[in-house]
N, C-alpha and C. Protein backbone atom coordinates (compact mmCIF):
# COMPACT_ATOMS: atom_id res chain seq x y z
N UNK A 1 28.51 -61.94 29.44
CA UNK A 1 27.32 -62.44 28.46
C UNK A 1 27.62 -61.46 27.98
N UNK A 2 26.89 -61.72 27.14
CA UNK A 2 27.20 -60.22 25.71
C UNK A 2 24.99 -59.73 25.85
N UNK A 3 25.06 -58.67 25.60
CA UNK A 3 23.33 -58.91 25.92
C UNK A 3 23.06 -58.08 24.20
N UNK A 4 22.38 -58.25 22.95
CA UNK A 4 21.57 -56.91 22.73
C UNK A 4 21.30 -56.38 22.67
N UNK A 5 21.22 -54.73 22.37
CA UNK A 5 20.92 -53.45 22.09
C UNK A 5 19.25 -54.18 21.53
N UNK A 6 17.93 -52.99 22.32
CA UNK A 6 17.10 -53.07 22.00
C UNK A 6 16.94 -52.88 20.69
N UNK A 7 16.28 -52.93 20.18
CA UNK A 7 16.33 -52.45 18.55
C UNK A 7 14.98 -51.06 19.11
N UNK A 8 15.46 -50.33 18.04
CA UNK A 8 14.33 -49.12 17.89
C UNK A 8 13.40 -48.36 17.25
N UNK A 9 13.21 -48.21 18.58
CA UNK A 9 11.27 -47.44 18.03
C UNK A 9 11.32 -47.17 17.23
N UNK A 10 9.98 -47.78 16.28
CA UNK A 10 9.30 -47.16 15.35
C UNK A 10 9.44 -45.57 15.18
N UNK A 11 9.67 -44.53 15.98
CA UNK A 11 9.82 -43.62 16.38
C UNK A 11 10.38 -42.54 15.72
N UNK A 12 11.78 -43.20 16.50
CA UNK A 12 13.26 -43.07 16.14
C UNK A 12 13.53 -43.62 14.32
N UNK A 13 12.42 -44.71 14.68
CA UNK A 13 13.39 -44.71 12.74
C UNK A 13 12.49 -43.92 12.01
N UNK A 14 10.96 -43.84 12.08
CA UNK A 14 10.22 -42.52 11.34
C UNK A 14 11.34 -41.49 11.79
N UNK A 15 11.62 -40.58 12.81
CA UNK A 15 12.22 -39.28 12.84
C UNK A 15 13.36 -39.40 11.89
N UNK A 16 14.73 -40.65 11.59
CA UNK A 16 15.50 -40.53 11.19
C UNK A 16 15.33 -40.31 9.73
N UNK A 17 14.34 -41.83 9.12
CA UNK A 17 13.24 -41.42 7.90
C UNK A 17 13.13 -39.75 7.68
N UNK A 18 12.87 -38.94 8.24
CA UNK A 18 11.90 -38.03 7.38
C UNK A 18 13.30 -37.20 7.11
N UNK A 19 13.93 -37.03 8.15
CA UNK A 19 15.35 -36.13 8.77
C UNK A 19 16.22 -36.73 6.92
N UNK A 20 15.98 -37.92 6.90
CA UNK A 20 16.42 -38.43 4.87
C UNK A 20 15.98 -37.86 4.44
N UNK A 21 15.09 -37.73 3.85
CA UNK A 21 13.39 -37.30 2.77
C UNK A 21 14.02 -36.23 2.70
N UNK A 22 13.23 -35.40 4.25
CA UNK A 22 14.07 -34.00 3.98
C UNK A 22 15.31 -33.52 3.45
N UNK A 23 16.05 -34.09 3.98
CA UNK A 23 17.32 -34.31 3.23
C UNK A 23 18.22 -34.14 1.56
N UNK A 24 17.15 -35.28 1.63
CA UNK A 24 16.81 -35.68 0.29
C UNK A 24 16.07 -34.34 -0.81
N UNK A 25 15.41 -33.93 0.32
CA UNK A 25 14.60 -32.39 -0.72
C UNK A 25 15.10 -31.41 -1.35
N UNK A 26 16.12 -31.12 -0.03
CA UNK A 26 16.34 -30.26 0.43
C UNK A 26 18.30 -29.82 -0.68
N UNK A 27 18.41 -31.07 -0.95
CA UNK A 27 19.29 -31.30 -1.81
C UNK A 27 18.94 -30.77 -3.35
N UNK A 28 17.98 -31.21 -3.59
CA UNK A 28 16.77 -31.17 -4.58
C UNK A 28 17.16 -29.53 -5.27
N UNK A 29 16.76 -28.63 -3.87
CA UNK A 29 16.53 -26.95 -3.80
C UNK A 29 17.90 -26.94 -3.83
N UNK A 30 19.07 -27.22 -2.92
CA UNK A 30 20.42 -26.67 -3.02
C UNK A 30 20.92 -26.76 -4.83
N UNK A 31 20.85 -28.00 -5.60
CA UNK A 31 20.60 -28.43 -6.58
C UNK A 31 20.33 -27.31 -7.98
N UNK A 32 19.43 -26.32 -7.43
CA UNK A 32 18.79 -26.01 -8.15
C UNK A 32 18.93 -25.09 -7.64
N UNK A 33 19.11 -24.27 -6.73
CA UNK A 33 19.55 -22.64 -7.17
C UNK A 33 21.12 -23.21 -6.70
N UNK A 34 21.89 -24.35 -6.98
CA UNK A 34 23.09 -23.63 -7.90
C UNK A 34 23.45 -23.91 -9.04
N UNK A 35 22.90 -24.20 -9.39
CA UNK A 35 21.90 -23.97 -11.39
C UNK A 35 21.60 -23.11 -12.16
N UNK A 36 20.78 -22.32 -10.77
CA UNK A 36 19.53 -21.86 -11.52
C UNK A 36 20.58 -20.67 -12.02
N UNK A 37 22.23 -19.97 -12.02
CA UNK A 37 22.41 -18.61 -12.30
C UNK A 37 22.54 -19.21 -14.38
N UNK A 38 22.30 -20.10 -14.51
CA UNK A 38 22.06 -20.54 -15.81
C UNK A 38 21.25 -19.86 -16.57
N UNK A 39 19.90 -19.65 -15.59
CA UNK A 39 18.29 -19.41 -15.91
C UNK A 39 18.39 -17.93 -16.32
N UNK A 40 19.33 -16.96 -15.31
CA UNK A 40 19.06 -15.83 -16.13
C UNK A 40 19.44 -15.25 -16.93
N UNK A 41 20.39 -15.42 -17.83
CA UNK A 41 20.41 -15.14 -19.09
C UNK A 41 19.54 -15.17 -19.68
N UNK A 42 18.72 -16.27 -19.19
CA UNK A 42 17.50 -16.64 -20.55
C UNK A 42 16.03 -15.91 -20.65
N UNK A 43 16.48 -15.32 -19.16
CA UNK A 43 15.21 -14.22 -18.93
C UNK A 43 15.54 -13.00 -19.75
N UNK A 44 14.57 -13.15 -20.85
CA UNK A 44 15.20 -11.43 -22.23
C UNK A 44 15.16 -10.47 -21.37
N UNK A 45 15.80 -9.68 -22.79
CA UNK A 45 15.88 -8.15 -21.59
C UNK A 45 14.68 -7.38 -21.11
N UNK A 46 13.94 -7.24 -22.32
CA UNK A 46 12.51 -6.92 -21.55
C UNK A 46 11.25 -7.27 -20.73
N UNK A 47 11.82 -7.77 -20.60
CA UNK A 47 11.00 -8.46 -18.90
C UNK A 47 12.11 -7.67 -17.97
N UNK A 48 12.41 -7.37 -17.96
CA UNK A 48 12.98 -6.00 -16.89
C UNK A 48 12.38 -4.66 -17.44
N UNK A 49 11.69 -4.40 -18.03
CA UNK A 49 10.89 -3.09 -18.85
C UNK A 49 11.81 -1.59 -18.78
N UNK A 50 11.82 -0.96 -18.16
CA UNK A 50 13.18 0.25 -19.06
C UNK A 50 14.28 0.64 -18.26
N UNK A 51 14.72 -1.16 -17.60
CA UNK A 51 16.06 -1.11 -17.66
C UNK A 51 17.19 -0.80 -18.70
N UNK A 52 18.16 0.18 -17.89
CA UNK A 52 19.30 0.05 -19.08
C UNK A 52 20.15 -1.43 -18.93
N UNK A 53 21.11 -1.62 -20.04
CA UNK A 53 21.89 -2.43 -19.79
C UNK A 53 22.36 -3.30 -18.95
N UNK A 54 23.35 -2.75 -18.12
CA UNK A 54 24.53 -2.21 -17.90
C UNK A 54 23.16 -2.88 -15.93
N UNK A 55 22.51 -2.50 -15.51
CA UNK A 55 21.26 -2.76 -14.82
C UNK A 55 20.50 -3.62 -14.99
N UNK A 56 20.33 -4.19 -16.18
CA UNK A 56 19.72 -5.89 -16.20
C UNK A 56 21.95 -6.43 -15.50
N UNK A 57 22.28 -6.41 -16.35
CA UNK A 57 23.71 -7.25 -16.05
C UNK A 57 23.88 -7.16 -14.71
N UNK A 58 23.96 -5.60 -13.72
CA UNK A 58 23.54 -6.04 -12.15
C UNK A 58 22.82 -6.81 -11.27
N UNK A 59 21.23 -7.15 -12.55
CA UNK A 59 20.16 -7.24 -11.49
C UNK A 59 21.09 -9.12 -12.12
N UNK A 60 20.73 -9.41 -12.83
CA UNK A 60 21.12 -10.61 -13.03
C UNK A 60 23.15 -11.62 -12.09
N UNK A 61 23.31 -10.67 -12.03
CA UNK A 61 24.70 -10.74 -11.75
C UNK A 61 24.25 -10.99 -9.48
N UNK A 62 23.66 -10.13 -10.04
CA UNK A 62 22.81 -10.15 -8.22
C UNK A 62 22.98 -11.56 -7.69
N UNK A 63 21.07 -11.63 -8.50
CA UNK A 63 20.32 -12.95 -8.42
C UNK A 63 21.36 -14.20 -8.52
N UNK A 64 22.52 -14.07 -9.68
CA UNK A 64 23.11 -15.31 -9.56
C UNK A 64 23.83 -15.36 -8.17
N UNK A 65 24.23 -14.24 -8.01
CA UNK A 65 24.56 -14.50 -6.31
C UNK A 65 24.15 -15.19 -5.41
N UNK A 66 22.55 -14.51 -4.66
CA UNK A 66 21.76 -14.80 -4.53
C UNK A 66 21.91 -16.04 -4.11
N UNK A 67 21.07 -17.23 -5.85
CA UNK A 67 21.20 -18.07 -5.87
C UNK A 67 22.73 -19.73 -5.79
N UNK A 68 23.52 -18.79 -5.99
CA UNK A 68 24.56 -19.24 -5.19
C UNK A 68 25.13 -19.00 -3.78
N UNK A 69 24.27 -18.22 -2.57
CA UNK A 69 24.91 -17.84 -1.54
C UNK A 69 24.05 -19.66 -0.60
N UNK A 70 21.94 -18.90 -0.85
CA UNK A 70 21.82 -20.53 -1.03
C UNK A 70 21.53 -21.07 -1.05
N UNK A 71 22.37 -21.71 -2.19
CA UNK A 71 21.79 -23.00 -2.73
C UNK A 71 23.58 -23.46 -1.93
N UNK A 72 24.35 -23.01 -1.55
CA UNK A 72 24.82 -23.53 -0.94
C UNK A 72 25.13 -23.77 0.69
N UNK A 73 24.60 -22.96 0.58
CA UNK A 73 23.35 -22.77 2.47
C UNK A 73 22.93 -23.68 2.03
N UNK A 74 21.76 -24.26 1.34
CA UNK A 74 20.69 -25.17 1.36
C UNK A 74 21.40 -26.86 1.24
N UNK A 75 22.80 -27.22 0.68
CA UNK A 75 23.94 -28.74 0.33
C UNK A 75 23.55 -28.27 1.87
N UNK A 76 24.49 -27.69 2.47
CA UNK A 76 25.15 -27.74 3.99
C UNK A 76 23.58 -28.25 4.66
N UNK A 77 22.60 -27.46 5.29
CA UNK A 77 21.35 -27.82 5.62
C UNK A 77 21.81 -29.55 4.73
N UNK A 78 21.00 -28.99 3.77
CA UNK A 78 20.61 -31.40 3.31
C UNK A 78 22.00 -32.23 3.80
N UNK A 79 22.81 -31.74 3.39
CA UNK A 79 24.26 -32.50 4.08
C UNK A 79 24.06 -32.86 5.84
N UNK A 80 23.58 -31.87 6.52
CA UNK A 80 23.39 -31.96 7.80
C UNK A 80 21.99 -32.73 8.04
N UNK A 81 21.24 -32.77 7.64
CA UNK A 81 20.18 -33.28 7.68
C UNK A 81 19.99 -35.21 6.97
N UNK A 82 21.65 -35.61 6.04
CA UNK A 82 21.82 -36.85 6.14
C UNK A 82 23.15 -37.29 6.67
N UNK A 83 23.23 -36.77 7.07
CA UNK A 83 24.44 -36.78 8.71
C UNK A 83 23.61 -37.48 9.50
N UNK A 84 22.48 -36.63 10.25
CA UNK A 84 22.21 -36.89 10.81
C UNK A 84 20.94 -38.20 10.41
N UNK A 85 20.65 -38.79 9.22
CA UNK A 85 19.66 -39.61 9.62
C UNK A 85 19.69 -41.00 9.43
N UNK A 86 21.17 -41.66 8.75
CA UNK A 86 22.45 -41.71 8.60
C UNK A 86 22.91 -42.13 10.23
N UNK A 87 23.13 -41.37 11.36
CA UNK A 87 24.10 -41.55 12.42
C UNK A 87 22.49 -41.89 13.53
N UNK A 88 21.58 -42.02 12.94
CA UNK A 88 20.36 -42.11 14.23
C UNK A 88 20.04 -43.71 13.65
N UNK A 89 19.94 -43.55 12.91
CA UNK A 89 20.48 -45.70 12.75
C UNK A 89 21.21 -46.21 13.28
N UNK A 90 22.38 -45.13 13.51
CA UNK A 90 23.59 -46.06 13.86
C UNK A 90 23.83 -45.71 15.84
N UNK A 91 22.09 -45.29 15.99
CA UNK A 91 22.27 -44.74 17.56
C UNK A 91 23.02 -43.18 18.08
N UNK A 92 23.75 -42.98 17.08
CA UNK A 92 24.66 -42.26 17.09
C UNK A 92 24.29 -40.52 17.90
N UNK A 93 24.85 -40.23 19.42
CA UNK A 93 24.64 -39.43 20.19
C UNK A 93 24.51 -37.92 19.27
N UNK A 94 26.12 -37.54 19.18
CA UNK A 94 25.76 -36.74 18.38
C UNK A 94 24.74 -36.55 17.47
N UNK A 95 24.36 -37.46 16.22
CA UNK A 95 23.12 -37.44 15.77
C UNK A 95 22.15 -37.16 15.85
N UNK A 96 21.62 -37.66 17.22
CA UNK A 96 21.28 -37.21 17.80
C UNK A 96 20.21 -35.48 18.25
N UNK A 97 21.50 -35.47 19.07
CA UNK A 97 21.96 -33.80 18.67
C UNK A 97 21.46 -33.09 17.60
N UNK A 98 22.30 -34.35 16.54
CA UNK A 98 21.39 -32.66 15.19
C UNK A 98 21.11 -33.03 14.37
N UNK A 99 19.73 -33.87 15.26
CA UNK A 99 18.66 -34.23 14.46
C UNK A 99 17.61 -33.17 15.59
N UNK A 100 17.40 -33.39 17.37
CA UNK A 100 16.65 -32.93 17.06
C UNK A 100 17.30 -30.60 16.69
N UNK A 101 18.04 -30.29 17.06
CA UNK A 101 18.78 -28.57 16.88
C UNK A 101 17.79 -28.98 14.85
N UNK A 102 17.80 -29.87 13.94
CA UNK A 102 18.01 -29.53 12.56
C UNK A 102 15.95 -29.64 12.93
N UNK A 103 15.60 -30.41 13.93
CA UNK A 103 14.00 -30.69 13.81
C UNK A 103 13.89 -29.17 14.41
N UNK A 104 14.28 -28.14 15.37
CA UNK A 104 13.83 -27.89 16.54
C UNK A 104 14.09 -26.18 15.24
N UNK A 105 15.23 -25.39 14.66
CA UNK A 105 15.35 -25.12 13.81
C UNK A 105 13.88 -24.83 12.58
N UNK A 106 13.59 -26.18 12.01
CA UNK A 106 13.14 -25.95 11.13
C UNK A 106 11.80 -25.89 11.54
N UNK A 107 11.49 -26.52 12.24
CA UNK A 107 9.93 -25.67 12.89
C UNK A 107 9.82 -24.49 13.32
N UNK A 108 11.23 -23.89 13.98
CA UNK A 108 11.14 -21.75 13.60
C UNK A 108 11.72 -21.42 12.12
N UNK A 109 12.26 -21.33 10.88
CA UNK A 109 12.04 -22.01 9.96
C UNK A 109 10.68 -22.03 9.31
N UNK A 110 10.37 -23.58 9.07
CA UNK A 110 9.28 -23.30 8.72
C UNK A 110 7.56 -22.89 9.24
N UNK A 111 7.65 -22.00 10.41
CA UNK A 111 6.59 -21.85 10.73
C UNK A 111 7.13 -19.78 9.98
N UNK A 112 8.06 -19.82 10.43
CA UNK A 112 8.00 -18.49 9.75
C UNK A 112 7.72 -18.22 8.48
N UNK A 113 8.51 -18.70 7.63
CA UNK A 113 7.98 -18.99 5.78
C UNK A 113 6.97 -19.34 5.54
N UNK A 114 6.12 -20.34 6.50
CA UNK A 114 4.37 -20.27 6.44
C UNK A 114 3.92 -19.04 6.54
N UNK A 115 4.07 -18.32 7.92
CA UNK A 115 2.97 -17.00 8.32
C UNK A 115 3.82 -16.34 6.69
N UNK A 116 5.19 -15.78 6.55
CA UNK A 116 5.30 -14.84 5.28
C UNK A 116 4.67 -15.39 4.10
N UNK A 117 5.01 -16.98 3.70
CA UNK A 117 3.57 -16.86 2.70
C UNK A 117 2.38 -17.23 2.30
N UNK A 118 1.48 -16.88 4.00
CA UNK A 118 -0.20 -16.85 4.17
C UNK A 118 0.34 -14.83 3.78
N UNK A 119 0.67 -14.51 4.00
CA UNK A 119 1.09 -13.12 3.98
C UNK A 119 0.68 -12.66 2.50
N UNK A 120 1.98 -13.24 1.53
CA UNK A 120 2.25 -13.31 0.43
C UNK A 120 1.12 -13.28 -0.01
N UNK A 121 0.67 -14.77 -0.45
CA UNK A 121 -0.72 -15.26 -0.81
C UNK A 121 -2.05 -14.85 -0.62
N UNK A 122 -2.02 -13.54 0.33
CA UNK A 122 -3.62 -13.39 1.05
C UNK A 122 -3.48 -11.29 0.44
N UNK A 123 -2.49 -10.72 -0.13
CA UNK A 123 -2.56 -10.40 -0.67
C UNK A 123 -2.19 -8.87 0.54
N UNK A 124 -1.00 -8.88 1.24
CA UNK A 124 -0.45 -8.32 2.04
C UNK A 124 0.33 -8.12 1.13
N UNK A 125 1.07 -8.78 1.13
CA UNK A 125 2.67 -8.62 -0.13
C UNK A 125 2.29 -7.90 -0.80
N UNK A 126 2.60 -6.31 -1.17
CA UNK A 126 2.28 -6.58 -2.76
C UNK A 126 2.88 -7.68 -3.89
N UNK A 127 1.91 -7.93 -5.31
CA UNK A 127 2.65 -8.62 -5.98
C UNK A 127 2.81 -8.02 -7.00
N UNK A 128 3.84 -8.05 -8.20
CA UNK A 128 4.23 -8.03 -9.30
C UNK A 128 3.19 -9.04 -9.93
N UNK A 129 2.27 -8.24 -10.65
CA UNK A 129 1.62 -8.49 -12.32
C UNK A 129 2.09 -8.55 -13.40
N UNK A 130 2.13 -9.66 -13.80
CA UNK A 130 2.22 -9.76 -15.44
C UNK A 130 1.57 -9.37 -16.26
N UNK A 131 1.54 -8.26 -16.66
CA UNK A 131 0.87 -7.82 -17.51
C UNK A 131 0.44 -7.98 -18.91
N UNK A 132 2.17 -8.52 -19.65
CA UNK A 132 2.10 -9.66 -20.88
C UNK A 132 1.47 -10.55 -20.51
N UNK A 133 1.18 -12.00 -19.58
CA UNK A 133 1.06 -12.86 -19.24
C UNK A 133 0.55 -13.77 -20.21
N UNK A 134 -1.34 -12.35 -20.65
CA UNK A 134 -1.97 -12.97 -20.80
C UNK A 134 -3.51 -14.31 -20.07
N UNK A 135 -2.97 -14.30 -19.33
CA UNK A 135 -3.88 -13.85 -17.69
C UNK A 135 -5.54 -13.73 -17.65
N UNK A 136 -6.96 -13.04 -17.55
CA UNK A 136 -7.20 -12.76 -17.12
C UNK A 136 -7.35 -12.70 -14.88
N UNK A 137 -7.57 -12.05 -14.76
CA UNK A 137 -7.87 -11.93 -13.19
C UNK A 137 -8.16 -12.59 -13.15
N UNK A 138 -9.42 -13.49 -13.06
CA UNK A 138 -9.91 -14.79 -12.97
C UNK A 138 -8.84 -15.89 -12.44
N UNK A 139 -8.07 -15.93 -13.71
CA UNK A 139 -6.89 -17.28 -13.81
C UNK A 139 -6.15 -16.81 -12.69
N UNK A 140 -5.61 -15.49 -13.07
CA UNK A 140 -4.20 -15.42 -12.26
C UNK A 140 -5.18 -15.58 -10.15
N UNK A 141 -5.88 -15.01 -10.75
CA UNK A 141 -6.37 -15.89 -9.12
C UNK A 141 -6.37 -17.64 -9.00
N UNK A 142 -7.42 -18.23 -9.77
CA UNK A 142 -7.41 -19.38 -9.53
C UNK A 142 -5.43 -19.98 -9.26
N UNK A 143 -4.57 -19.20 -9.62
CA UNK A 143 -3.85 -19.80 -9.84
C UNK A 143 -2.84 -19.23 -8.65
N UNK A 144 -3.03 -17.99 -8.23
CA UNK A 144 -3.07 -17.71 -6.70
C UNK A 144 -3.58 -18.82 -5.62
N UNK A 145 -4.60 -19.55 -5.95
CA UNK A 145 -5.13 -20.20 -5.10
C UNK A 145 -4.25 -21.35 -5.15
N UNK A 146 -4.51 -21.83 -5.74
CA UNK A 146 -3.99 -23.23 -6.60
C UNK A 146 -2.58 -23.29 -5.81
N UNK A 147 -1.66 -22.12 -6.09
CA UNK A 147 -0.12 -22.37 -5.15
C UNK A 147 -0.02 -21.93 -3.87
N UNK A 148 -0.74 -21.66 -3.19
CA UNK A 148 -1.47 -21.36 -2.05
C UNK A 148 -0.85 -22.96 -0.83
N UNK A 149 -2.65 -23.57 -2.35
CA UNK A 149 -3.11 -24.53 -1.96
C UNK A 149 -1.47 -25.60 -1.24
N UNK A 150 -0.96 -25.72 -2.60
CA UNK A 150 0.55 -26.49 -2.70
C UNK A 150 1.35 -25.50 -1.16
N UNK A 151 1.53 -24.18 -1.78
CA UNK A 151 2.23 -24.20 -0.75
C UNK A 151 2.77 -24.45 1.32
N UNK A 152 1.13 -25.18 1.29
CA UNK A 152 0.38 -24.60 2.63
C UNK A 152 0.14 -26.15 2.48
N UNK A 153 0.23 -27.08 1.73
CA UNK A 153 0.50 -28.99 2.06
C UNK A 153 2.10 -28.89 2.21
N UNK A 154 2.84 -28.59 1.79
CA UNK A 154 4.37 -28.50 1.75
C UNK A 154 4.85 -27.77 2.94
N UNK A 155 4.56 -27.46 3.32
CA UNK A 155 4.74 -26.55 4.70
C UNK A 155 3.93 -26.96 6.21
N UNK A 156 2.98 -27.48 5.52
CA UNK A 156 2.76 -27.92 6.53
C UNK A 156 3.04 -29.56 7.11
N UNK A 157 3.37 -30.05 6.00
CA UNK A 157 3.94 -31.89 6.38
C UNK A 157 5.23 -31.34 6.16
N UNK A 158 5.81 -30.68 6.05
CA UNK A 158 7.85 -30.43 6.76
C UNK A 158 7.53 -29.69 8.29
N UNK A 159 6.31 -29.17 8.46
CA UNK A 159 6.60 -28.84 9.58
C UNK A 159 6.05 -29.48 10.32
N UNK A 160 5.02 -30.59 10.59
CA UNK A 160 4.80 -32.37 11.38
C UNK A 160 6.06 -32.92 10.95
N UNK A 161 6.46 -33.52 9.42
CA UNK A 161 8.22 -34.01 10.41
C UNK A 161 8.95 -33.13 11.05
N UNK A 162 9.47 -31.79 11.11
CA UNK A 162 9.99 -31.75 11.61
C UNK A 162 9.63 -31.84 13.78
N UNK A 163 8.35 -31.25 13.64
CA UNK A 163 7.26 -31.66 14.93
C UNK A 163 8.10 -33.66 15.24
N UNK A 164 7.18 -33.77 14.43
CA UNK A 164 7.63 -35.49 15.04
C UNK A 164 9.24 -35.72 15.60
N UNK A 165 10.30 -35.03 13.93
CA UNK A 165 11.15 -36.12 14.41
C UNK A 165 11.66 -34.92 16.02
N UNK A 166 11.47 -33.86 16.13
CA UNK A 166 11.83 -33.17 17.63
C UNK A 166 11.59 -33.80 18.41
N UNK A 167 10.11 -34.47 18.70
CA UNK A 167 9.44 -34.92 20.24
C UNK A 167 10.18 -36.41 19.82
N UNK A 168 10.19 -37.91 18.35
CA UNK A 168 10.29 -38.83 19.03
C UNK A 168 11.69 -38.65 19.61
N UNK A 169 13.10 -37.42 19.28
CA UNK A 169 14.36 -38.27 19.29
C UNK A 169 14.97 -37.85 20.54
N UNK A 170 13.63 -37.13 21.13
CA UNK A 170 13.22 -35.99 23.08
C UNK A 170 12.85 -36.79 24.18
N UNK A 171 11.50 -38.02 23.27
CA UNK A 171 11.79 -38.90 23.84
C UNK A 171 12.49 -39.95 24.44
N UNK A 172 13.29 -40.65 22.78
CA UNK A 172 13.60 -41.47 23.48
C UNK A 172 15.44 -41.94 23.48
N UNK A 173 16.20 -41.13 23.91
CA UNK A 173 17.25 -40.79 24.46
C UNK A 173 17.69 -42.22 24.79
N UNK A 174 17.64 -42.52 25.56
CA UNK A 174 17.97 -44.17 25.90
C UNK A 174 18.75 -45.13 24.82
N UNK A 175 18.04 -44.95 23.51
CA UNK A 175 19.13 -45.85 22.00
C UNK A 175 19.21 -45.32 22.60
N UNK A 176 20.74 -43.98 22.01
CA UNK A 176 21.37 -44.03 21.38
C UNK A 176 22.49 -44.13 22.75
N UNK A 177 23.59 -44.06 22.34
CA UNK A 177 25.33 -43.78 22.48
C UNK A 177 25.60 -45.27 23.58
N UNK A 178 24.63 -46.80 23.10
CA UNK A 178 24.52 -47.29 24.22
C UNK A 178 25.66 -49.09 23.33
N UNK A 179 26.56 -49.27 24.47
CA UNK A 179 26.83 -50.77 23.89
C UNK A 179 26.48 -51.53 24.29
N UNK A 180 26.89 -52.86 23.07
CA UNK A 180 26.73 -53.93 23.31
C UNK A 180 27.00 -54.41 24.37
N UNK A 181 26.13 -55.22 25.58
CA UNK A 181 27.19 -55.73 27.15
C UNK A 181 26.79 -54.96 28.43
């Protein structure tokens, strides 16, 4: 007599959805990074201060290479998230393991980025001022506060999503790798 598998718990479905959403968002970041190379040539030479034309070209080339490098890495991470999310719905054990690894790494990296971000916006790191921006110091401070709040919300939501995913996948291993019968 064949029996059916029990339905996936809501927490496992939620973990898969979190991985899919974070995969899509990471994919968007990857696309922006990969396409950002064309933006570097749009920055006027005057924005580089007293650099020579050769130095400006080197800065643009280096920035393009960094953007493409991070874009490729972000793309691979996005594919990992998407693959794990889809695989979890199929109850694949490899997807559960990949999801736990990505969630664990996500917690560590998001935590480190949150700390670095907090240090940067609190004035612990030197911030380049835009002297020709037309903003008053008060307006610049207000923009920094808004950016800090937005950044903390994004990092906080990602951190909670990864933590939820890790706990849900650790606690529900019995739902993976089962066969009907």
